[in-house]
């Protein structure tokens, strides 16, 4: 049984019904992925994670704060090497 229906405009656009938006957890700016699965077309949300989420996963501990003098010294040492 269908969850909801959408109508295609002349420009090829559709509206995603509110119930479907709630189920997918999407809103303005969300990206949907369309995939072929045999005789069916599957629509799913893309980008569940923000760039900030990815950064936190890659770098779980924040860097130690450095003073400007410490950063300049680090650059000097790197350039010498």
Protein backbone atom coordinates (compact mmCIF):
# COMPACT_ATOMS: atom_id res chain seq x y z
CA UNK A 1 0.00 0.00 0.00
CA UNK A 2 1.32 3.44 -0.90
CA UNK A 3 2.44 5.80 1.87
CA UNK A 4 1.57 8.89 -0.19
CA UNK A 5 1.36 10.21 -3.74
CA UNK A 6 3.18 12.99 -5.58
CA UNK A 7 2.44 14.71 -8.86
CA UNK A 8 5.19 15.43 -11.41
CA UNK A 9 5.30 19.02 -12.73
CA UNK A 10 6.03 19.98 -16.34
CA UNK A 11 9.58 20.87 -15.20
CA UNK A 12 10.10 17.32 -13.84
CA UNK A 13 9.79 18.30 -10.17
CA UNK A 14 7.89 16.55 -7.39
CA UNK A 15 6.85 17.47 -3.88
CA UNK A 16 7.81 15.03 -1.15
CA UNK A 17 4.76 14.53 1.08
CA UNK A 18 5.12 15.60 4.73
CA UNK A 19 4.73 12.04 6.04
CA UNK A 20 7.57 10.81 3.80
CA UNK A 21 9.78 13.77 4.82
CA UNK A 22 9.22 12.88 8.47
CA UNK A 23 10.00 9.19 7.88
CA UNK A 24 13.21 10.05 5.97
CA UNK A 25 14.16 12.81 8.41
CA UNK A 26 14.69 15.31 5.60
CA UNK A 27 14.05 19.01 5.14
CA UNK A 28 15.02 21.90 2.89
CA UNK A 29 18.43 21.32 1.33
CA UNK A 30 18.39 17.56 1.91
CA UNK A 31 19.71 15.44 -0.92
CA UNK A 32 17.85 12.35 -2.12
CA UNK A 33 19.47 9.46 -3.97
CA UNK A 34 17.51 7.58 -6.63
CA UNK A 35 18.59 4.00 -7.25
CA UNK A 36 17.34 1.20 -9.50
CA UNK A 37 16.52 -2.12 -7.83
CA UNK A 38 15.26 -4.45 -10.53
CA UNK A 39 11.79 -3.25 -11.46
CA UNK A 40 11.69 -0.72 -8.60
CA UNK A 41 13.16 2.72 -8.03
CA UNK A 42 14.40 3.28 -4.49
CA UNK A 43 14.69 6.78 -3.01
CA UNK A 44 16.82 7.35 0.06
CA UNK A 45 18.35 10.30 1.81
CA UNK A 46 22.02 11.05 1.33
CA UNK A 47 24.44 12.82 3.63
CA UNK A 48 23.39 11.63 7.02
CA UNK A 49 26.62 13.03 8.37
CA UNK A 50 27.81 16.63 8.22
CA UNK A 51 31.42 17.53 7.47
CA UNK A 52 31.74 18.32 11.18
CA UNK A 53 30.60 14.77 12.06
CA UNK A 54 33.19 13.30 9.68
CA UNK A 55 35.92 15.56 11.11
CA UNK A 56 35.08 14.46 14.66
CA UNK A 57 35.21 10.80 13.59
CA UNK A 58 38.63 11.25 11.96
CA UNK A 59 40.07 13.46 14.69
CA UNK A 60 38.37 12.41 17.95
CA UNK A 61 40.59 14.51 20.23
CA UNK A 62 40.81 18.22 19.57
CA UNK A 63 44.31 19.59 18.95
CA UNK A 64 46.20 21.20 21.79
CA UNK A 65 45.84 24.98 21.59
CA UNK A 66 49.09 26.69 20.54
CA UNK A 67 50.27 30.26 20.83
CA UNK A 68 51.27 32.23 17.77
CA UNK A 69 54.93 32.03 18.82
CA UNK A 70 54.69 28.22 19.10
CA UNK A 71 53.13 27.95 15.63
CA UNK A 72 55.81 30.19 14.09
CA UNK A 73 58.53 28.09 15.74
CA UNK A 74 56.93 24.93 14.38
CA UNK A 75 56.89 26.39 10.86
CA UNK A 76 60.55 27.41 11.23
CA UNK A 77 61.55 23.89 12.32
CA UNK A 78 59.57 22.34 9.45
CA UNK A 79 61.16 24.64 6.89
CA UNK A 80 64.68 23.85 8.20
CA UNK A 81 64.01 20.13 7.89
